[in-house]
C-alpha atoms as a PDB file:
ATOM      1  CA  MET A   1      10.897  10.529 -14.843  1.00  0.00           C
ATOM      2  CA  ASN A   2      12.003  11.367 -11.280  1.00  0.00           C
ATOM      3  CA  SER A   3      14.994   9.335 -10.371  1.00  0.00           C
ATOM      4  CA  LYS A   4      15.121   9.639  -6.498  1.00  0.00           C
ATOM      5  CA  TYR A   5      14.404   6.518  -5.302  1.00  0.00           C
ATOM      6  CA  ALA A   6      13.287   6.245  -1.535  1.00  0.00           C
ATOM      7  CA  LEU A   7      14.385   3.036   0.348  1.00  0.00           C
ATOM      8  CA  THR A   8      12.179   2.660   3.510  1.00  0.00           C
ATOM      9  CA  GLY A   9      10.749   0.009   6.019  1.00  0.00           C
ATOM     10  CA  GLY A  10      11.423  -0.601   9.774  1.00  0.00           C
ATOM     11  CA  PRO A  11      14.444  -0.676  11.326  1.00  0.00           C
ATOM     12  CA  GLY A  12      16.737  -3.530  10.845  1.00  0.00           C
ATOM     13  CA  ALA A  13      15.366  -4.731   7.484  1.00  0.00           C
ATOM     14  CA  GLY A  14      18.872  -4.283   5.648  1.00  0.00           C
ATOM     15  CA  LYS A  15      18.591  -0.825   4.393  1.00  0.00           C
ATOM     16  CA  THR A  16      21.918   0.129   4.727  1.00  0.00           C
ATOM     17  CA  THR A  17      23.463  -3.227   3.879  1.00  0.00           C
ATOM     18  CA  LEU A  18      21.609  -3.119   0.635  1.00  0.00           C
ATOM     19  CA  LEU A  19      22.612   0.543  -0.053  1.00  0.00           C
ATOM     20  CA  ASN A  20      26.091  -0.023   0.438  1.00  0.00           C
ATOM     21  CA  SER A  21      25.764  -2.720  -2.014  1.00  0.00           C
ATOM     22  CA  LEU A  22      24.040  -0.380  -4.302  1.00  0.00           C
ATOM     23  CA  ALA A  23      27.029   1.862  -3.754  1.00  0.00           C
ATOM     24  CA  ALA A  24      29.576  -1.070  -4.716  1.00  0.00           C
ATOM     25  CA  ARG A  25      27.900  -1.394  -7.977  1.00  0.00           C
ATOM     26  CA  GLY A  26      28.556   2.307  -8.833  1.00  0.00           C
ATOM     27  CA  TYR A  27      25.074   3.733  -8.027  1.00  0.00           C
ATOM     28  CA  ARG A  28      24.769   7.009  -6.077  1.00  0.00           C
ATOM     29  CA  VAL A  29      23.504   6.476  -2.359  1.00  0.00           C
ATOM     30  CA  VAL A  30      22.371   8.875  -0.141  1.00  0.00           C
ATOM     31  CA  PRO A  31      22.575   7.734   3.493  1.00  0.00           C
ATOM     32  CA  GLU A  32      20.172   7.759   6.436  1.00  0.00           C
ATOM     33  CA  SER A  33      19.925  11.071   8.418  1.00  0.00           C
ATOM     34  CA  ALA A  34      18.595   9.885  11.433  1.00  0.00           C
ATOM     35  CA  ARG A  35      21.534   7.192  11.778  1.00  0.00           C
ATOM     36  CA  GLN A  36      23.957  10.457  11.309  1.00  0.00           C
ATOM     37  CA  ILE A  37      22.348  12.380  14.179  1.00  0.00           C
ATOM     38  CA  ILE A  38      22.118   9.529  16.148  1.00  0.00           C
ATOM     39  CA  GLN A  39      26.162   8.462  15.798  1.00  0.00           C
ATOM     40  CA  THR A  40      26.818  12.726  16.417  1.00  0.00           C
ATOM     41  CA  ARG A  41      24.500  12.655  19.472  1.00  0.00           C
ATOM     42  CA  LEU A  42      26.245   9.540  21.021  1.00  0.00           C
ATOM     43  CA  SER A  43      29.612  11.190  20.150  1.00  0.00           C
ATOM     44  CA  GLN A  44      28.694  13.832  22.358  1.00  0.00           C
ATOM     45  CA  SER A  45      27.891  11.564  25.332  1.00  0.00           C
ATOM     46  CA  LEU A  46      24.069  12.260  24.702  1.00  0.00           C
ATOM     47  CA  PRO A  47      21.152  10.192  24.382  1.00  0.00           C
ATOM     48  CA  PRO A  48      20.613   8.626  20.736  1.00  0.00           C
ATOM     49  CA  ARG A  49      17.419  10.725  20.189  1.00  0.00           C
ATOM     50  CA  SER A  50      16.337  13.784  21.626  1.00  0.00           C
ATOM     51  CA  GLU A  51      12.617  14.348  22.299  1.00  0.00           C
ATOM     52  CA  PRO A  52      10.344  12.951  19.442  1.00  0.00           C
ATOM     53  CA  THR A  53       9.328  16.234  17.851  1.00  0.00           C
ATOM     54  CA  ILE A  54      12.847  18.059  17.995  1.00  0.00           C
ATOM     55  CA  PHE A  55      14.434  14.406  16.426  1.00  0.00           C
ATOM     56  CA  ALA A  56      11.920  14.204  13.959  1.00  0.00           C
ATOM     57  CA  ASN A  57      12.170  18.216  12.788  1.00  0.00           C
ATOM     58  CA  GLU A  58      15.970  17.588  12.840  1.00  0.00           C
ATOM     59  CA  ILE A  59      15.748  14.675  10.480  1.00  0.00           C
ATOM     60  CA  LEU A  60      13.456  16.626   8.355  1.00  0.00           C
ATOM     61  CA  ARG A  61      15.922  19.585   8.170  1.00  0.00           C
ATOM     62  CA  LYS A  62      18.589  16.921   7.123  1.00  0.00           C
ATOM     63  CA  ASP A  63      16.685  15.318   4.622  1.00  0.00           C
ATOM     64  CA  ILE A  64      15.560  18.581   2.842  1.00  0.00           C
ATOM     65  CA  ALA A  65      19.404  19.566   2.781  1.00  0.00           C
ATOM     66  CA  GLN A  66      20.326  15.855   1.342  1.00  0.00           C
ATOM     67  CA  TYR A  67      17.235  15.853  -1.434  1.00  0.00           C
ATOM     68  CA  ARG A  68      18.368  19.470  -2.515  1.00  0.00           C
ATOM     69  CA  ARG A  69      22.147  18.875  -2.687  1.00  0.00           C
ATOM     70  CA  TYR A  70      22.088  15.725  -4.772  1.00  0.00           C
ATOM     71  CA  ASP A  71      21.252  16.209  -8.560  1.00  0.00           C
ATOM     72  CA  THR A  72      19.383  13.633 -10.739  1.00  0.00           C
ATOM     73  CA  GLU A  73      19.070  15.575 -13.493  1.00  0.00           C
ATOM     74  CA  ASN A  74      21.305  13.009 -15.692  1.00  0.00           C
ATOM     75  CA  GLY A  75      18.513  10.452 -15.191  1.00  0.00           C
ATOM     76  CA  GLU A  76      20.972   8.230 -13.353  1.00  0.00           C
ATOM     77  CA  PRO A  77      19.088   6.475 -10.328  1.00  0.00           C
ATOM     78  CA  MET A  78      20.046   7.522  -6.961  1.00  0.00           C
ATOM     79  CA  PHE A  79      18.823   5.878  -4.068  1.00  0.00           C
ATOM     80  CA  TYR A  80      17.709   7.259  -0.676  1.00  0.00           C
ATOM     81  CA  ASP A  81      18.207   5.466   2.741  1.00  0.00           C
ATOM     82  CA  ARG A  82      14.550   7.058   3.623  1.00  0.00           C
ATOM     83  CA  GLY A  83      13.481  10.527   2.703  1.00  0.00           C
ATOM     84  CA  VAL A  84      11.468  13.307   3.747  1.00  0.00           C
ATOM     85  CA  LEU A  85       8.501  11.245   3.876  1.00  0.00           C
ATOM     86  CA  ASP A  86       9.481   9.332   6.774  1.00  0.00           C
ATOM     87  CA  ALA A  87      10.415  12.175   8.689  1.00  0.00           C
ATOM     88  CA  LEU A  88       6.896  13.887   7.765  1.00  0.00           C
ATOM     89  CA  TYR A  89       5.462  10.690   9.074  1.00  0.00           C
ATOM     90  CA  MET A  90       7.543  10.947  12.374  1.00  0.00           C
ATOM     91  CA  LEU A  91       5.943  14.480  12.848  1.00  0.00           C
ATOM     92  CA  ASP A  92       2.578  13.521  11.846  1.00  0.00           C
ATOM     93  CA  VAL A  93       2.803  10.498  14.528  1.00  0.00           C
ATOM     94  CA  VAL A  94       3.563  13.205  17.361  1.00  0.00           C
ATOM     95  CA  SER A  95       0.772  15.547  15.652  1.00  0.00           C
ATOM     96  CA  ALA A  96       3.642  18.361  15.155  1.00  0.00           C
ATOM     97  CA  LEU A  97       2.511  19.279  11.565  1.00  0.00           C
ATOM     98  CA  SER A  98      -1.011  19.768   9.932  1.00  0.00           C
ATOM     99  CA  ARG A  99      -2.095  17.687   7.188  1.00  0.00           C
ATOM    100  CA  THR A 100      -2.021  20.870   4.889  1.00  0.00           C
ATOM    101  CA  SER A 101       1.832  21.228   5.735  1.00  0.00           C
ATOM    102  CA  ILE A 102       2.565  17.951   5.212  1.00  0.00           C
ATOM    103  CA  ALA A 103       1.087  18.059   1.806  1.00  0.00           C
ATOM    104  CA  ASN A 104       3.104  20.765   0.857  1.00  0.00           C
ATOM    105  CA  TYR A 105       6.395  19.023   1.619  1.00  0.00           C
ATOM    106  CA  VAL A 106       5.347  16.021  -0.121  1.00  0.00           C
ATOM    107  CA  ARG A 107       4.500  18.210  -3.026  1.00  0.00           C
ATOM    108  CA  GLU A 108       8.054  19.731  -3.172  1.00  0.00           C
ATOM    109  CA  PHE A 109      10.166  16.915  -2.069  1.00  0.00           C
ATOM    110  CA  GLU A 110       8.899  14.191  -4.461  1.00  0.00           C
ATOM    111  CA  TYR A 111      10.449  10.871  -5.175  1.00  0.00           C
ATOM    112  CA  ASN A 112      10.208   8.401  -7.898  1.00  0.00           C
ATOM    113  CA  ARG A 113       6.377   6.930  -7.370  1.00  0.00           C
ATOM    114  CA  GLN A 114       7.856   3.296  -6.685  1.00  0.00           C
ATOM    115  CA  VAL A 115       9.043   3.502  -3.178  1.00  0.00           C
ATOM    116  CA  PHE A 116      11.276   0.048  -2.224  1.00  0.00           C
ATOM    117  CA  LEU A 117       9.757  -0.922   1.278  1.00  0.00           C
ATOM    118  CA  LEU A 118      12.022  -3.495   3.000  1.00  0.00           C
ATOM    119  CA  PRO A 119       9.894  -5.858   5.217  1.00  0.00           C
ATOM    120  CA  PRO A 120      10.725  -6.983   8.791  1.00  0.00           C
ATOM    121  CA  TRP A 121      13.286  -9.925   8.894  1.00  0.00           C
ATOM    122  CA  GLU A 122      13.727 -11.366  11.968  1.00  0.00           C
ATOM    123  CA  GLU A 123      16.289 -13.474  10.889  1.00  0.00           C
ATOM    124  CA  ILE A 124      18.808 -10.533  10.374  1.00  0.00           C
ATOM    125  CA  TYR A 125      17.490  -8.402  12.852  1.00  0.00           C
ATOM    126  CA  CYS A 126      19.555  -6.891  15.428  1.00  0.00           C
ATOM    127  CA  THR A 127      20.040  -4.091  17.806  1.00  0.00           C
ATOM    128  CA  ASP A 128      23.145  -1.937  18.020  1.00  0.00           C
ATOM    129  CA  SER A 129      24.222   1.564  19.410  1.00  0.00           C
ATOM    130  CA  GLU A 130      22.082   3.179  16.729  1.00  0.00           C
ATOM    131  CA  ARG A 131      19.151   1.034  16.637  1.00  0.00           C
ATOM    132  CA  ASP A 132      17.766   0.290  19.914  1.00  0.00           C
ATOM    133  CA  GLN A 133      14.175  -0.516  18.865  1.00  0.00           C
ATOM    134  CA  THR A 134      12.556  -4.228  19.385  1.00  0.00           C
ATOM    135  CA  PHE A 135      11.375  -6.517  16.453  1.00  0.00           C
ATOM    136  CA  GLU A 136       7.810  -5.705  17.312  1.00  0.00           C
ATOM    137  CA  GLU A 137       8.621  -1.816  16.912  1.00  0.00           C
ATOM    138  CA  ALA A 138      10.554  -2.560  13.876  1.00  0.00           C
ATOM    139  CA  VAL A 139       7.311  -4.251  12.643  1.00  0.00           C
ATOM    140  CA  ALA A 140       4.886  -1.206  13.260  1.00  0.00           C
ATOM    141  CA  VAL A 141       7.315   1.503  11.661  1.00  0.00           C
ATOM    142  CA  PHE A 142       7.329  -1.054   8.557  1.00  0.00           C
ATOM    143  CA  GLU A 143       3.371  -0.876   8.591  1.00  0.00           C
ATOM    144  CA  GLY A 144       3.513   2.819   9.154  1.00  0.00           C
ATOM    145  CA  MET A 145       5.948   3.699   6.401  1.00  0.00           C
ATOM    146  CA  LYS A 146       3.802   1.007   4.203  1.00  0.00           C
ATOM    147  CA  ARG A 147       0.468   2.905   4.747  1.00  0.00           C
ATOM    148  CA  TRP A 148       1.860   6.441   4.911  1.00  0.00           C
ATOM    149  CA  TYR A 149       3.857   6.306   1.377  1.00  0.00           C
ATOM    150  CA  THR A 150       0.451   4.635  -0.175  1.00  0.00           C
ATOM    151  CA  LEU A 151      -1.927   7.315   1.458  1.00  0.00           C
ATOM    152  CA  TRP A 152       0.669   9.960  -0.486  1.00  0.00           C
ATOM    153  CA  GLY A 153       0.233   8.222  -3.723  1.00  0.00           C
ATOM    154  CA  TYR A 154       3.284   6.060  -3.784  1.00  0.00           C
ATOM    155  CA  GLN A 155       3.522   2.484  -4.884  1.00  0.00           C
ATOM    156  CA  ALA A 156       5.171   0.681  -2.377  1.00  0.00           C
ATOM    157  CA  VAL A 157       7.073  -2.380  -3.910  1.00  0.00           C
ATOM    158  CA  GLU A 158       8.104  -4.704  -1.162  1.00  0.00           C
ATOM    159  CA  VAL A 159      11.588  -6.100  -1.609  1.00  0.00           C
ATOM    160  CA  PRO A 160      11.830  -9.853  -1.093  1.00  0.00           C
ATOM    161  CA  ARG A 161      13.916 -11.289   1.834  1.00  0.00           C
ATOM    162  CA  VAL A 162      16.663 -12.536  -0.077  1.00  0.00           C
ATOM    163  CA  ASP A 163      20.346 -12.591  -0.079  1.00  0.00           C
ATOM    164  CA  VAL A 164      21.421  -8.925  -0.720  1.00  0.00           C
ATOM    165  CA  ALA A 165      22.907  -9.467  -4.439  1.00  0.00           C
ATOM    166  CA  ARG A 166      19.324 -10.681  -5.161  1.00  0.00           C
ATOM    167  CA  ARG A 167      17.966  -7.727  -3.549  1.00  0.00           C
ATOM    168  CA  CYS A 168      20.093  -5.313  -5.499  1.00  0.00           C
ATOM    169  CA  GLU A 169      18.869  -7.070  -8.917  1.00  0.00           C
ATOM    170  CA  PHE A 170      15.202  -6.930  -7.712  1.00  0.00           C
ATOM    171  CA  ILE A 171      15.847  -3.184  -7.278  1.00  0.00           C
ATOM    172  CA  LEU A 172      17.690  -2.544 -10.492  1.00  0.00           C
ATOM    173  CA  ASP A 173      15.474  -4.633 -12.482  1.00  0.00           C
ATOM    174  CA  THR A 174      12.441  -2.393 -11.060  1.00  0.00           C
ATOM    175  CA  VAL A 175      13.965   0.459 -11.839  1.00  0.00           C
ATOM    176  CA  HIS A 176      15.371  -0.478 -15.345  1.00  0.00           C
ATOM    177  CA  GLN A 177      11.512  -1.795 -16.260  1.00  0.00           C
ATOM    178  CA  ALA A 178      10.095   1.442 -15.350  1.00  0.00           C
ATOM    179  CA  PHE A 179      12.381   3.715 -17.274  1.00  0.00           C
ATOM    180  CA  GLY A 180      12.154   1.089 -20.574  1.00  0.00           C
ATOM    181  CA  ARG A 181       8.238   1.705 -20.417  1.00  0.00           C
ATOM    182  CA  LEU A 182       8.549   4.964 -20.575  1.00  0.00           C
ATOM    183  CA  GLN A 183      10.719   5.039 -23.586  1.00  0.00           C
ATOM    184  CA  ARG A 184       8.520   2.886 -25.691  1.00  0.00           C
END
């Protein structure tokens, strides 16, 4: 059973807050590459993002490095703030990779087939120095991620729009149910 779980969706849906809460409960989490890249660029007085293909390739390289860095052989779940497939989606949108190349990456960098998808939530959505997309753009990214992960054989499990504690419980219950089914 693959214990690498991707959390994805549009910007501003609460992924980072949710992952911080999972980390506070003792679970291993992997931060979002794009946010790290944007923070570095801003600290160097550069625009938040470089040209889309360059930016997506940089995210892909960082996501691959993070995927390889973290071992899950002990079977404990690890939660990723986005993942390799998100970067591949960005590259597909700008037609920077062939579907054959994308398929090879998808096979090599697999996550658990249940991907947690956080839906757009206007009540909590806000912009900041690292998130400058409109809410409408966030909705479009959410819809794109839902289609994208499904295209590659993942089951998109939509996380309900509830408080962070209940979101954590939803995710942990889903993960534990999947492991329980395997043990029977």
